[in-house]
C-alpha atoms as a PDB file:
ATOM      1  CA  MET A   1       0.023  -0.109  -0.016  1.00  0.00           C
ATOM      2  CA  SER A   2       1.020   3.537  -0.554  1.00  0.00           C
ATOM      3  CA  GLU A   3       1.748   6.061   2.093  1.00  0.00           C
ATOM      4  CA  ASN A   4      -1.171   8.225   0.607  1.00  0.00           C
ATOM      5  CA  SER A   5      -3.590   5.054   1.079  1.00  0.00           C
ATOM      6  CA  LEU A   6      -2.427   4.461   4.668  1.00  0.00           C
ATOM      7  CA  SER A   7      -2.994   8.058   5.546  1.00  0.00           C
ATOM      8  CA  PHE A   8      -6.342   7.971   4.182  1.00  0.00           C
ATOM      9  CA  ILE A   9      -7.387   4.892   6.183  1.00  0.00           C
ATOM     10  CA  ALA A  10      -6.039   6.812   9.284  1.00  0.00           C
ATOM     11  CA  ILE A  11      -8.179   9.902   8.716  1.00  0.00           C
ATOM     12  CA  ILE A  12     -11.264   7.512   7.961  1.00  0.00           C
ATOM     13  CA  ALA A  13     -10.589   5.938  11.187  1.00  0.00           C
ATOM     14  CA  ILE A  14     -10.405   9.132  13.125  1.00  0.00           C
ATOM     15  CA  LEU A  15     -13.357  10.577  11.534  1.00  0.00           C
ATOM     16  CA  ALA A  16     -15.419   7.426  12.635  1.00  0.00           C
ATOM     17  CA  VAL A  17     -14.410   7.712  16.054  1.00  0.00           C
ATOM     18  CA  THR A  18     -15.216  11.481  15.980  1.00  0.00           C
ATOM     19  CA  ILE A  19     -18.634  10.965  14.575  1.00  0.00           C
ATOM     20  CA  VAL A  20     -19.664   8.052  16.784  1.00  0.00           C
ATOM     21  CA  LEU A  21     -18.416  10.196  19.671  1.00  0.00           C
ATOM     22  CA  ILE A  22     -20.774  13.334  18.724  1.00  0.00           C
ATOM     23  CA  ARG A  23     -23.877  10.980  17.960  1.00  0.00           C
ATOM     24  CA  GLY A  24     -23.120   9.265  21.394  1.00  0.00           C
ATOM     25  CA  LEU A  25     -23.048  12.543  23.327  1.00  0.00           C
ATOM     26  CA  LYS A  26     -25.992  13.800  21.507  1.00  0.00           C
ATOM     27  CA  SER A  27     -28.168  10.755  22.314  1.00  0.00           C
ATOM     28  CA  PHE A  28     -26.697  10.793  25.965  1.00  0.00           C
ATOM     29  CA  PHE A  29     -27.643  14.540  26.537  1.00  0.00           C
ATOM     30  CA  SER A  30     -31.084  14.339  24.593  1.00  0.00           C
ATOM     31  CA  GLY A  31     -31.986  11.124  26.701  1.00  0.00           C
ATOM     32  CA  GLY A  32     -34.678  10.852  29.132  1.00  0.00           C
ATOM     33  CA  ASN A  33     -36.118   7.411  28.188  1.00  0.00           C
ATOM     34  CA  LEU A  34     -34.502   3.969  28.604  1.00  0.00           C
ATOM     35  CA  GLU A  35     -34.336   3.285  24.966  1.00  0.00           C
ATOM     36  CA  GLU A  36     -32.112   6.538  24.349  1.00  0.00           C
ATOM     37  CA  LYS A  37     -29.973   5.395  27.399  1.00  0.00           C
ATOM     38  CA  LYS A  38     -29.321   2.001  25.707  1.00  0.00           C
ATOM     39  CA  LYS A  39     -28.320   3.606  22.294  1.00  0.00           C
ATOM     40  CA  SER A  40     -26.039   6.118  23.851  1.00  0.00           C
ATOM     41  CA  ASN A  41     -24.320   3.253  25.754  1.00  0.00           C
ATOM     42  CA  LYS A  42     -23.961   1.051  22.639  1.00  0.00           C
ATOM     43  CA  LEU A  43     -22.684   4.088  20.784  1.00  0.00           C
ATOM     44  CA  MET A  44     -20.078   4.860  23.378  1.00  0.00           C
ATOM     45  CA  GLN A  45     -19.004   1.156  23.233  1.00  0.00           C
ATOM     46  CA  MET A  46     -18.710   1.318  19.712  1.00  0.00           C
ATOM     47  CA  ARG A  47     -16.637   4.547  20.105  1.00  0.00           C
ATOM     48  CA  VAL A  48     -14.251   2.630  22.497  1.00  0.00           C
ATOM     49  CA  PHE A  49     -13.653  -0.113  19.853  1.00  0.00           C
ATOM     50  CA  LEU A  50     -13.103   2.288  17.010  1.00  0.00           C
ATOM     51  CA  GLN A  51     -10.599   4.279  19.359  1.00  0.00           C
ATOM     52  CA  PHE A  52      -8.665   1.047  19.712  1.00  0.00           C
ATOM     53  CA  CYS A  53      -8.795   0.256  15.939  1.00  0.00           C
ATOM     54  CA  ALA A  54      -7.607   4.014  15.209  1.00  0.00           C
ATOM     55  CA  ILE A  55      -4.834   3.824  17.734  1.00  0.00           C
ATOM     56  CA  ILE A  56      -3.520   0.492  16.222  1.00  0.00           C
ATOM     57  CA  ILE A  57      -3.780   1.980  12.583  1.00  0.00           C
ATOM     58  CA  LEU A  58      -1.751   5.121  13.706  1.00  0.00           C
ATOM     59  CA  MET A  59       0.889   3.191  15.668  1.00  0.00           C
ATOM     60  CA  SER A  60       1.482   1.181  12.582  1.00  0.00           C
ATOM     61  CA  LEU A  61       1.876   4.031  10.542  1.00  0.00           C
ATOM     62  CA  ALA A  62       4.282   5.472  12.925  1.00  0.00           C
ATOM     63  CA  TYR A  63       6.249   2.316  13.017  1.00  0.00           C
ATOM     64  CA  ILE A  64       6.128   2.046   9.190  1.00  0.00           C
ATOM     65  CA  TYR A  65       7.051   5.647   8.746  1.00  0.00           C
ATOM     66  CA  GLY A  66       9.718   5.659  11.259  1.00  0.00           C
ATOM     67  CA  LYS A  67      11.885   3.100   9.424  1.00  0.00           C
END
């Protein structure tokens, strides 16, 4: 893979984390009923997973570019 495609993948991962974070916070603060709280909790769990993936991608890029 080229450097540009790897950088694009990293940007997509960071944007995915940001979008899920914003949706989760919006759901959390608009909350009220039990259904919204469950949705907010699932979004925050997804955010943690996406953050893990983004960190792995960024650390891999740092390792590759550092050589």
